[in-house]
Amino acid sequence: MSRIGKLPITIPQGVEVNISDNNVVTVKGKLGELKQPVDPAVSISLKDGILTLSRASESKDHKSKHGLYRSLINNMVIGVSEGFTTVQELVGVGFKASNNGQLLELSLGYSHNIFLQVPDEVKIETVTERGKNPLIKLSSADKQLIGQVAAKIRSLRKPEPYKGKGIKFQGEELRKKAGKSAEKK
């Protein structure tokens, strides 16, 4: 049995789960609605607010899909009830971030500013305090989408290993390299 796949998913109050005939799971909550098609090898049952998944056989493919779809559906339930938040920090002299609606403007030390259109499902907020690094706060019900947007923002200026300048996740520990040593004797 898959350790993750066999865990039941408890549906919190205010969250509605529908399973259609063609194995599409729809989860509705206060923060939105998410849909996920599920492979026919994985069967889903909902009883008394507890969702359980089971697989058709013990093949390696079915075992992996069992845990995968359980995690995806659990993330959907958490997303529509609580939501997900990611905070990124801009480390570097002169690095700035501002947003106008869903349009994110970044000044990352290049000769031009970078404009990035963020999907409507992701709420974006930029925080700039004097003496502190600018922050970009992303929040959404869709964990996959928020991770994809955060990865795209980070890819614009990855933290470099010598001074740590770039876009990093808040709380992330960077491994720094020792620069050139002075003169050898």
N, C-alpha and C. Protein backbone atom coordinates (compact mmCIF):
# COMPACT_ATOMS: atom_id res chain seq x y z
N MET A 1 0.84 -1.19 0.00
CA MET A 1 0.00 0.00 0.00
C MET A 1 0.88 1.24 0.00
N SER A 2 0.46 2.24 -0.71
CA SER A 2 1.17 3.51 -0.73
C SER A 2 0.95 4.22 0.60
N ARG A 3 2.03 4.64 1.24
CA ARG A 3 1.88 5.30 2.54
C ARG A 3 1.06 6.58 2.44
N ILE A 4 1.30 7.34 1.38
CA ILE A 4 0.56 8.58 1.21
C ILE A 4 -0.83 8.29 0.65
N GLY A 5 -0.92 7.38 -0.29
CA GLY A 5 -2.18 7.09 -0.95
C GLY A 5 -3.25 6.54 -0.02
N LYS A 6 -2.85 5.78 0.99
CA LYS A 6 -3.86 5.16 1.86
C LYS A 6 -4.37 6.11 2.94
N LEU A 7 -3.75 7.27 3.12
CA LEU A 7 -4.23 8.23 4.13
C LEU A 7 -5.56 8.83 3.68
N PRO A 8 -6.55 8.86 4.56
CA PRO A 8 -7.83 9.48 4.19
C PRO A 8 -7.73 11.01 4.21
N ILE A 9 -8.57 11.66 3.40
CA ILE A 9 -8.62 13.12 3.35
C ILE A 9 -9.89 13.55 4.06
N THR A 10 -9.75 14.32 5.15
CA THR A 10 -10.91 14.83 5.86
C THR A 10 -11.34 16.13 5.21
N ILE A 11 -12.60 16.21 4.84
CA ILE A 11 -13.14 17.40 4.17
C ILE A 11 -13.62 18.37 5.25
N PRO A 12 -13.01 19.57 5.35
CA PRO A 12 -13.46 20.54 6.36
C PRO A 12 -14.82 21.14 6.02
N GLN A 13 -15.44 21.75 7.01
CA GLN A 13 -16.74 22.37 6.78
C GLN A 13 -16.59 23.55 5.84
N GLY A 14 -17.57 23.72 4.97
CA GLY A 14 -17.53 24.81 4.00
C GLY A 14 -16.88 24.41 2.69
N VAL A 15 -16.38 23.16 2.61
CA VAL A 15 -15.76 22.67 1.38
C VAL A 15 -16.67 21.59 0.78
N GLU A 16 -16.93 21.70 -0.51
CA GLU A 16 -17.81 20.77 -1.20
C GLU A 16 -17.00 20.02 -2.25
N VAL A 17 -17.09 18.68 -2.24
CA VAL A 17 -16.35 17.85 -3.19
C VAL A 17 -17.35 17.09 -4.06
N ASN A 18 -17.17 17.18 -5.38
CA ASN A 18 -18.00 16.44 -6.33
C ASN A 18 -17.10 15.57 -7.19
N ILE A 19 -17.54 14.31 -7.40
CA ILE A 19 -16.79 13.39 -8.25
C ILE A 19 -17.71 13.04 -9.42
N SER A 20 -17.31 13.42 -10.64
CA SER A 20 -18.15 13.16 -11.81
C SER A 20 -17.89 11.75 -12.34
N ASP A 21 -18.73 11.35 -13.31
CA ASP A 21 -18.64 10.00 -13.87
C ASP A 21 -17.33 9.76 -14.61
N ASN A 22 -16.78 10.80 -15.24
CA ASN A 22 -15.53 10.62 -15.99
C ASN A 22 -14.30 10.92 -15.14
N ASN A 23 -14.41 10.67 -13.82
CA ASN A 23 -13.30 10.79 -12.87
C ASN A 23 -12.68 12.19 -12.83
N VAL A 24 -13.50 13.21 -12.75
CA VAL A 24 -13.02 14.57 -12.56
C VAL A 24 -13.48 15.01 -11.18
N VAL A 25 -12.51 15.37 -10.32
CA VAL A 25 -12.83 15.82 -8.96
C VAL A 25 -12.92 17.34 -8.97
N THR A 26 -14.03 17.86 -8.45
CA THR A 26 -14.24 19.30 -8.34
C THR A 26 -14.35 19.65 -6.86
N VAL A 27 -13.52 20.59 -6.41
CA VAL A 27 -13.53 21.01 -5.02
C VAL A 27 -13.89 22.49 -4.97
N LYS A 28 -14.94 22.83 -4.20
CA LYS A 28 -15.37 24.22 -4.06
C LYS A 28 -15.23 24.63 -2.60
N GLY A 29 -14.78 25.87 -2.40
CA GLY A 29 -14.66 26.40 -1.05
C GLY A 29 -14.74 27.91 -1.07
N LYS A 30 -14.46 28.52 0.07
CA LYS A 30 -14.58 29.98 0.17
C LYS A 30 -13.56 30.72 -0.70
N LEU A 31 -12.43 30.07 -1.05
CA LEU A 31 -11.39 30.75 -1.83
C LEU A 31 -11.44 30.42 -3.32
N GLY A 32 -12.40 29.59 -3.74
CA GLY A 32 -12.50 29.32 -5.17
C GLY A 32 -12.91 27.90 -5.47
N GLU A 33 -12.71 27.52 -6.72
CA GLU A 33 -13.07 26.20 -7.20
C GLU A 33 -11.92 25.64 -8.02
N LEU A 34 -11.56 24.37 -7.76
CA LEU A 34 -10.48 23.71 -8.48
C LEU A 34 -10.97 22.38 -9.04
N LYS A 35 -10.45 22.01 -10.21
CA LYS A 35 -10.81 20.73 -10.85
C LYS A 35 -9.55 19.94 -11.13
N GLN A 36 -9.66 18.61 -11.03
CA GLN A 36 -8.53 17.74 -11.31
C GLN A 36 -9.03 16.44 -11.93
N PRO A 37 -8.65 16.14 -13.19
CA PRO A 37 -9.00 14.82 -13.74
C PRO A 37 -8.14 13.74 -13.07
N VAL A 38 -8.74 12.60 -12.78
CA VAL A 38 -8.05 11.52 -12.09
C VAL A 38 -7.99 10.31 -13.02
N ASP A 39 -6.87 9.61 -13.04
CA ASP A 39 -6.68 8.43 -13.86
C ASP A 39 -7.70 7.35 -13.47
N PRO A 40 -8.26 6.62 -14.45
CA PRO A 40 -9.25 5.58 -14.13
C PRO A 40 -8.70 4.44 -13.26
N ALA A 41 -7.38 4.30 -13.16
CA ALA A 41 -6.79 3.26 -12.32
C ALA A 41 -6.99 3.55 -10.83
N VAL A 42 -7.30 4.80 -10.50
CA VAL A 42 -7.51 5.19 -9.10
C VAL A 42 -8.99 5.46 -8.90
N SER A 43 -9.60 4.76 -7.95
CA SER A 43 -11.02 4.98 -7.66
C SER A 43 -11.15 5.83 -6.39
N ILE A 44 -12.17 6.68 -6.38
CA ILE A 44 -12.35 7.63 -5.28
C ILE A 44 -13.71 7.38 -4.64
N SER A 45 -13.74 7.38 -3.31
CA SER A 45 -15.02 7.23 -2.61
C SER A 45 -15.12 8.30 -1.53
N LEU A 46 -16.33 8.85 -1.37
CA LEU A 46 -16.58 9.90 -0.40
C LEU A 46 -17.70 9.44 0.52
N LYS A 47 -17.38 9.29 1.83
CA LYS A 47 -18.37 8.87 2.81
C LYS A 47 -18.20 9.70 4.08
N ASP A 48 -19.25 10.32 4.54
CA ASP A 48 -19.29 11.06 5.80
C ASP A 48 -18.16 12.09 5.93
N GLY A 49 -17.88 12.81 4.86
CA GLY A 49 -16.87 13.85 4.90
C GLY A 49 -15.44 13.35 4.87
N ILE A 50 -15.25 12.07 4.55
CA ILE A 50 -13.90 11.51 4.44
C ILE A 50 -13.73 10.93 3.04
N LEU A 51 -12.69 11.38 2.35
CA LEU A 51 -12.42 10.96 0.99
C LEU A 51 -11.29 9.94 1.02
N THR A 52 -11.49 8.79 0.39
CA THR A 52 -10.44 7.77 0.33
C THR A 52 -10.20 7.38 -1.12
N LEU A 53 -8.95 7.03 -1.40
CA LEU A 53 -8.57 6.61 -2.75
C LEU A 53 -8.05 5.17 -2.70
N SER A 54 -8.35 4.41 -3.74
CA SER A 54 -7.83 3.05 -3.85
C SER A 54 -7.41 2.82 -5.30
N ARG A 55 -6.50 1.87 -5.49
CA ARG A 55 -5.99 1.62 -6.84
C ARG A 55 -6.47 0.27 -7.36
N ALA A 56 -6.39 0.12 -8.67
CA ALA A 56 -6.91 -1.08 -9.33
C ALA A 56 -6.01 -2.30 -9.13
N SER A 57 -4.69 -2.10 -9.17
CA SER A 57 -3.78 -3.24 -9.04
C SER A 57 -2.52 -2.80 -8.31
N GLU A 58 -1.58 -3.73 -8.17
CA GLU A 58 -0.33 -3.45 -7.46
C GLU A 58 0.82 -3.13 -8.42
N SER A 59 0.50 -2.75 -9.66
CA SER A 59 1.57 -2.42 -10.60
C SER A 59 2.25 -1.12 -10.16
N LYS A 60 3.48 -0.97 -10.59
CA LYS A 60 4.27 0.20 -10.18
C LYS A 60 3.60 1.50 -10.61
N ASP A 61 3.04 1.51 -11.81
CA ASP A 61 2.37 2.70 -12.33
C ASP A 61 1.15 3.06 -11.48
N HIS A 62 0.36 2.07 -11.12
CA HIS A 62 -0.83 2.33 -10.30
C HIS A 62 -0.46 2.77 -8.89
N LYS A 63 0.62 2.21 -8.34
CA LYS A 63 1.07 2.62 -7.00
C LYS A 63 1.47 4.09 -6.99
N SER A 64 2.20 4.52 -8.02
CA SER A 64 2.67 5.91 -8.06
C SER A 64 1.50 6.87 -8.25
N LYS A 65 0.54 6.49 -9.08
CA LYS A 65 -0.63 7.35 -9.30
C LYS A 65 -1.52 7.43 -8.07
N HIS A 66 -1.54 6.38 -7.27
CA HIS A 66 -2.33 6.37 -6.04
C HIS A 66 -1.89 7.49 -5.10
N GLY A 67 -0.60 7.58 -4.83
CA GLY A 67 -0.08 8.64 -3.97
C GLY A 67 -0.16 10.01 -4.61
N LEU A 68 0.07 10.08 -5.93
CA LEU A 68 0.04 11.35 -6.64
C LEU A 68 -1.33 12.01 -6.54
N TYR A 69 -2.37 11.27 -6.89
CA TYR A 69 -3.71 11.87 -6.90
C TYR A 69 -4.22 12.16 -5.50
N ARG A 70 -3.79 11.38 -4.52
CA ARG A 70 -4.16 11.70 -3.14
C ARG A 70 -3.56 13.04 -2.73
N SER A 71 -2.29 13.27 -3.07
CA SER A 71 -1.63 14.54 -2.74
C SER A 71 -2.26 15.71 -3.48
N LEU A 72 -2.58 15.51 -4.76
CA LEU A 72 -3.18 16.59 -5.55
C LEU A 72 -4.55 16.98 -4.98
N ILE A 73 -5.38 15.99 -4.64
CA ILE A 73 -6.71 16.29 -4.11
C ILE A 73 -6.59 16.92 -2.72
N ASN A 74 -5.66 16.44 -1.90
CA ASN A 74 -5.46 17.04 -0.58
C ASN A 74 -5.03 18.50 -0.71
N ASN A 75 -4.14 18.81 -1.65
CA ASN A 75 -3.71 20.20 -1.87
C ASN A 75 -4.87 21.06 -2.35
N MET A 76 -5.78 20.48 -3.14
CA MET A 76 -6.96 21.23 -3.58
C MET A 76 -7.85 21.57 -2.40
N VAL A 77 -8.07 20.61 -1.50
CA VAL A 77 -8.93 20.83 -0.32
C VAL A 77 -8.32 21.89 0.58
N ILE A 78 -7.02 21.81 0.82
CA ILE A 78 -6.34 22.82 1.65
C ILE A 78 -6.38 24.18 0.96
N GLY A 79 -6.19 24.21 -0.34
CA GLY A 79 -6.17 25.46 -1.10
C GLY A 79 -7.48 26.21 -1.05
N VAL A 80 -8.62 25.53 -1.25
CA VAL A 80 -9.90 26.23 -1.27
C VAL A 80 -10.38 26.59 0.13
N SER A 81 -9.83 25.95 1.17
CA SER A 81 -10.25 26.29 2.53
C SER A 81 -9.31 27.29 3.20
N GLU A 82 -8.00 27.10 3.07
CA GLU A 82 -7.02 27.99 3.73
C GLU A 82 -6.23 28.83 2.74
N GLY A 83 -5.85 28.27 1.61
CA GLY A 83 -5.04 28.97 0.63
C GLY A 83 -3.56 28.75 0.87
N PHE A 84 -2.76 29.11 -0.10
CA PHE A 84 -1.30 28.97 -0.01
C PHE A 84 -0.67 30.34 -0.20
N THR A 85 0.44 30.59 0.49
CA THR A 85 1.14 31.86 0.40
C THR A 85 2.63 31.60 0.21
N THR A 86 3.24 32.36 -0.68
CA THR A 86 4.68 32.30 -0.91
C THR A 86 5.22 33.71 -0.82
N VAL A 87 6.34 33.88 -0.10
CA VAL A 87 6.96 35.20 0.04
C VAL A 87 8.37 35.11 -0.53
N GLN A 88 8.68 36.05 -1.45
CA GLN A 88 10.02 36.11 -2.04
C GLN A 88 10.66 37.43 -1.67
N GLU A 89 11.98 37.39 -1.54
CA GLU A 89 12.76 38.54 -1.09
C GLU A 89 13.75 38.93 -2.18
N LEU A 90 13.85 40.23 -2.44
CA LEU A 90 14.80 40.73 -3.43
C LEU A 90 16.03 41.23 -2.69
N VAL A 91 17.16 40.55 -2.86
CA VAL A 91 18.40 40.89 -2.17
C VAL A 91 19.34 41.53 -3.17
N GLY A 92 19.69 42.78 -2.96
CA GLY A 92 20.62 43.46 -3.84
C GLY A 92 20.39 44.96 -3.79
N VAL A 93 21.44 45.71 -4.01
CA VAL A 93 21.35 47.17 -3.97
C VAL A 93 20.55 47.66 -5.17
N GLY A 94 19.53 48.44 -4.91
CA GLY A 94 18.73 49.01 -5.98
C GLY A 94 17.66 48.09 -6.54
N PHE A 95 17.51 46.90 -5.99
CA PHE A 95 16.46 46.00 -6.46
C PHE A 95 15.12 46.49 -5.94
N LYS A 96 14.13 46.60 -6.82
CA LYS A 96 12.82 47.10 -6.44
C LYS A 96 11.74 46.24 -7.05
N ALA A 97 10.56 46.23 -6.40
CA ALA A 97 9.40 45.53 -6.92
C ALA A 97 8.17 46.37 -6.65
N SER A 98 7.30 46.49 -7.64
CA SER A 98 6.03 47.18 -7.46
C SER A 98 5.00 46.50 -8.36
N ASN A 99 3.75 46.61 -7.97
CA ASN A 99 2.71 46.01 -8.80
C ASN A 99 1.58 47.00 -9.03
N ASN A 100 1.00 46.91 -10.22
CA ASN A 100 -0.16 47.69 -10.59
C ASN A 100 -1.22 46.68 -11.01
N GLY A 101 -2.07 46.27 -10.07
CA GLY A 101 -3.02 45.20 -10.33
C GLY A 101 -2.26 43.89 -10.44
N GLN A 102 -2.40 43.22 -11.58
CA GLN A 102 -1.73 41.94 -11.80
C GLN A 102 -0.42 42.09 -12.58
N LEU A 103 0.01 43.31 -12.82
CA LEU A 103 1.26 43.56 -13.54
C LEU A 103 2.37 43.84 -12.53
N LEU A 104 3.38 42.98 -12.52
CA LEU A 104 4.50 43.11 -11.60
C LEU A 104 5.66 43.77 -12.33
N GLU A 105 6.20 44.85 -11.74
CA GLU A 105 7.35 45.55 -12.31
C GLU A 105 8.55 45.32 -11.41
N LEU A 106 9.62 44.79 -11.98
CA LEU A 106 10.83 44.46 -11.22
C LEU A 106 12.02 45.24 -11.77
N SER A 107 12.80 45.81 -10.85
CA SER A 107 14.06 46.44 -11.20
C SER A 107 15.15 45.60 -10.56
N LEU A 108 15.87 44.82 -11.38
CA LEU A 108 16.80 43.83 -10.85
C LEU A 108 18.25 44.06 -11.26
N GLY A 109 18.61 45.31 -11.51
CA GLY A 109 19.99 45.61 -11.85
C GLY A 109 20.31 45.48 -13.32
N TYR A 110 19.32 45.18 -14.15
CA TYR A 110 19.53 45.15 -15.59
C TYR A 110 19.37 46.57 -16.13
N SER A 111 19.63 46.76 -17.41
CA SER A 111 19.52 48.08 -18.01
C SER A 111 18.06 48.50 -18.22
N HIS A 112 17.13 47.58 -17.98
CA HIS A 112 15.72 47.86 -18.19
C HIS A 112 14.91 47.21 -17.07
N ASN A 113 13.69 47.69 -16.85
CA ASN A 113 12.79 47.07 -15.89
C ASN A 113 12.11 45.87 -16.55
N ILE A 114 11.74 44.91 -15.74
CA ILE A 114 11.07 43.71 -16.22
C ILE A 114 9.61 43.77 -15.80
N PHE A 115 8.71 43.56 -16.75
CA PHE A 115 7.28 43.54 -16.48
C PHE A 115 6.79 42.11 -16.63
N LEU A 116 6.02 41.64 -15.64
CA LEU A 116 5.52 40.27 -15.65
C LEU A 116 4.03 40.29 -15.35
N GLN A 117 3.23 39.73 -16.25
CA GLN A 117 1.78 39.64 -16.04
C GLN A 117 1.48 38.38 -15.23
N VAL A 118 0.92 38.56 -14.03
CA VAL A 118 0.62 37.44 -13.14
C VAL A 118 -0.82 36.98 -13.40
N PRO A 119 -1.09 35.66 -13.42
CA PRO A 119 -2.46 35.18 -13.65
C PRO A 119 -3.44 35.73 -12.61
N ASP A 120 -4.72 35.85 -13.01
CA ASP A 120 -5.73 36.42 -12.13
C ASP A 120 -5.99 35.57 -10.89
N GLU A 121 -5.73 34.27 -10.95
CA GLU A 121 -5.96 33.39 -9.80
C GLU A 121 -4.98 33.64 -8.67
N VAL A 122 -3.87 34.31 -8.96
CA VAL A 122 -2.83 34.57 -7.96
C VAL A 122 -2.93 36.03 -7.52
N LYS A 123 -3.09 36.24 -6.23
CA LYS A 123 -3.10 37.60 -5.68
C LYS A 123 -1.66 38.00 -5.39
N ILE A 124 -1.29 39.21 -5.80
CA ILE A 124 0.09 39.65 -5.64
C ILE A 124 0.13 40.92 -4.81
N GLU A 125 1.14 41.01 -3.95
CA GLU A 125 1.32 42.19 -3.11
C GLU A 125 2.82 42.43 -2.98
N THR A 126 3.23 43.69 -3.12
CA THR A 126 4.64 44.02 -2.94
C THR A 126 4.78 44.90 -1.71
N VAL A 127 5.81 44.62 -0.92
CA VAL A 127 6.06 45.37 0.31
C VAL A 127 7.46 45.95 0.24
N THR A 128 7.56 47.27 0.40
CA THR A 128 8.86 47.93 0.42
C THR A 128 8.96 48.75 1.69
N GLU A 129 9.88 48.36 2.58
CA GLU A 129 10.12 49.11 3.81
C GLU A 129 11.54 49.65 3.77
N ARG A 130 11.70 50.81 4.33
CA ARG A 130 13.02 51.44 4.35
C ARG A 130 13.99 50.61 5.20
N GLY A 131 15.15 50.32 4.65
CA GLY A 131 16.17 49.57 5.38
C GLY A 131 16.00 48.06 5.29
N LYS A 132 14.96 47.59 4.61
CA LYS A 132 14.75 46.14 4.47
C LYS A 132 14.64 45.78 3.00
N ASN A 133 14.84 44.51 2.70
CA ASN A 133 14.73 44.04 1.32
C ASN A 133 13.27 44.06 0.87
N PRO A 134 13.00 44.44 -0.39
CA PRO A 134 11.62 44.40 -0.90
C PRO A 134 11.09 42.96 -0.91
N LEU A 135 9.79 42.81 -0.65
CA LEU A 135 9.16 41.50 -0.61
C LEU A 135 8.06 41.41 -1.67
N ILE A 136 7.89 40.21 -2.22
CA ILE A 136 6.79 39.92 -3.13
C ILE A 136 5.98 38.81 -2.47
N LYS A 137 4.71 39.09 -2.16
CA LYS A 137 3.85 38.10 -1.52
C LYS A 137 2.83 37.60 -2.55
N LEU A 138 2.82 36.29 -2.75
CA LEU A 138 1.88 35.65 -3.67
C LEU A 138 0.94 34.77 -2.85
N SER A 139 -0.36 34.83 -3.13
CA SER A 139 -1.31 33.95 -2.46
C SER A 139 -2.34 33.46 -3.47
N SER A 140 -2.72 32.19 -3.33
CA SER A 140 -3.66 31.58 -4.26
C SER A 140 -4.21 30.29 -3.65
N ALA A 141 -5.28 29.78 -4.24
CA ALA A 141 -5.85 28.51 -3.81
C ALA A 141 -5.17 27.35 -4.54
N ASP A 142 -4.53 27.63 -5.67
CA ASP A 142 -3.90 26.60 -6.50
C ASP A 142 -2.41 26.51 -6.19
N LYS A 143 -2.00 25.44 -5.52
CA LYS A 143 -0.60 25.29 -5.11
C LYS A 143 0.34 25.16 -6.30
N GLN A 144 -0.09 24.46 -7.33
CA GLN A 144 0.75 24.26 -8.51
C GLN A 144 0.98 25.58 -9.23
N LEU A 145 -0.07 26.38 -9.38
CA LEU A 145 0.04 27.65 -10.10
C LEU A 145 0.92 28.64 -9.33
N ILE A 146 0.75 28.72 -8.02
CA ILE A 146 1.54 29.66 -7.23
C ILE A 146 3.02 29.27 -7.26
N GLY A 147 3.31 27.98 -7.27
CA GLY A 147 4.70 27.52 -7.37
C GLY A 147 5.30 27.84 -8.71
N GLN A 148 4.51 27.71 -9.75
CA GLN A 148 4.98 28.01 -11.10
C GLN A 148 5.28 29.50 -11.26
N VAL A 149 4.40 30.36 -10.73
CA VAL A 149 4.61 31.81 -10.82
C VAL A 149 5.84 32.21 -10.01
N ALA A 150 5.98 31.63 -8.80
CA ALA A 150 7.13 31.94 -7.95
C ALA A 150 8.44 31.50 -8.62
N ALA A 151 8.43 30.35 -9.28
CA ALA A 151 9.63 29.87 -9.97
C ALA A 151 9.97 30.78 -11.14
N LYS A 152 8.95 31.28 -11.84
CA LYS A 152 9.19 32.19 -12.97
C LYS A 152 9.82 33.50 -12.48
N ILE A 153 9.29 34.04 -11.38
CA ILE A 153 9.85 35.28 -10.83
C ILE A 153 11.29 35.06 -10.39
N ARG A 154 11.55 33.93 -9.72
CA ARG A 154 12.90 33.63 -9.24
C ARG A 154 13.88 33.46 -10.41
N SER A 155 13.40 32.90 -11.53
CA SER A 155 14.28 32.65 -12.67
C SER A 155 14.77 33.94 -13.32
N LEU A 156 14.13 35.07 -13.04
CA LEU A 156 14.56 36.34 -13.63
C LEU A 156 15.90 36.80 -13.07
N ARG A 157 16.20 36.43 -11.81
CA ARG A 157 17.50 36.76 -11.21
C ARG A 157 17.73 35.80 -10.05
N LYS A 158 18.31 34.62 -10.35
CA LYS A 158 18.57 33.63 -9.31
C LYS A 158 19.65 34.15 -8.36
N PRO A 159 19.61 33.76 -7.08
CA PRO A 159 20.65 34.20 -6.15
C PRO A 159 22.02 33.67 -6.59
N GLU A 160 22.99 34.58 -6.63
CA GLU A 160 24.33 34.14 -7.02
C GLU A 160 25.08 33.66 -5.77
N PRO A 161 26.06 32.76 -5.94
CA PRO A 161 26.64 32.08 -4.78
C PRO A 161 27.68 32.87 -3.99
N TYR A 162 28.10 34.04 -4.46
CA TYR A 162 29.15 34.75 -3.75
C TYR A 162 28.62 35.78 -2.77
N LYS A 163 27.70 36.63 -3.21
CA LYS A 163 27.13 37.63 -2.31
C LYS A 163 25.68 37.33 -1.95
N GLY A 164 25.04 36.42 -2.68
CA GLY A 164 23.65 36.07 -2.41
C GLY A 164 22.66 37.03 -3.03
N LYS A 165 23.12 37.86 -3.99
CA LYS A 165 22.22 38.82 -4.63
C LYS A 165 21.27 38.09 -5.58
N GLY A 166 20.00 38.49 -5.57
CA GLY A 166 19.01 37.90 -6.46
C GLY A 166 17.67 37.76 -5.76
N ILE A 167 16.79 36.97 -6.34
CA ILE A 167 15.46 36.74 -5.77
C ILE A 167 15.48 35.39 -5.07
N LYS A 168 15.18 35.39 -3.77
CA LYS A 168 15.16 34.15 -3.01
C LYS A 168 13.86 34.05 -2.23
N PHE A 169 13.52 32.84 -1.83
CA PHE A 169 12.35 32.63 -0.99
C PHE A 169 12.68 33.07 0.42
N GLN A 170 11.71 33.64 1.12
CA GLN A 170 11.96 34.11 2.49
C GLN A 170 12.25 32.90 3.38
N GLY A 171 13.32 32.99 4.15
CA GLY A 171 13.72 31.90 5.02
C GLY A 171 14.65 30.89 4.35
N GLU A 172 14.93 31.07 3.07
CA GLU A 172 15.80 30.14 2.35
C GLU A 172 17.26 30.39 2.74
N GLU A 173 17.96 29.31 3.02
CA GLU A 173 19.38 29.40 3.36
C GLU A 173 20.20 29.16 2.09
N LEU A 174 21.04 30.11 1.74
CA LEU A 174 21.87 29.98 0.55
C LEU A 174 23.26 29.52 0.95
N ARG A 175 23.81 28.59 0.18
CA ARG A 175 25.19 28.16 0.41
C ARG A 175 26.10 29.11 -0.34
N LYS A 176 26.92 29.81 0.39
CA LYS A 176 27.80 30.78 -0.25
C LYS A 176 29.18 30.18 -0.45
N LYS A 177 29.83 30.63 -1.53
CA LYS A 177 31.19 30.19 -1.83
C LYS A 177 32.17 31.23 -1.31
N ALA A 178 33.35 30.78 -0.97
CA ALA A 178 34.41 31.70 -0.60
C ALA A 178 34.98 32.27 -1.91
N GLY A 179 35.15 33.56 -1.98
CA GLY A 179 35.65 34.18 -3.21
C GLY A 179 37.12 33.87 -3.41
N LYS A 180 37.74 34.62 -4.27
CA LYS A 180 39.16 34.45 -4.52
C LYS A 180 39.94 34.79 -3.25
N SER A 181 40.94 33.98 -2.94
CA SER A 181 41.79 34.31 -1.82
C SER A 181 42.81 35.34 -2.30
N ALA A 182 43.41 36.05 -1.38
CA ALA A 182 44.36 37.12 -1.74
C ALA A 182 45.61 36.50 -2.37
N GLU A 183 46.75 36.89 -1.98
CA GLU A 183 47.97 36.39 -2.59
C GLU A 183 48.49 35.18 -1.82
N LYS A 184 48.88 34.15 -2.55
CA LYS A 184 49.42 32.95 -1.89
C LYS A 184 50.89 33.17 -1.60
N LYS A 185 51.34 32.70 -0.45
CA LYS A 185 52.76 32.85 -0.08
C LYS A 185 53.44 31.53 0.04
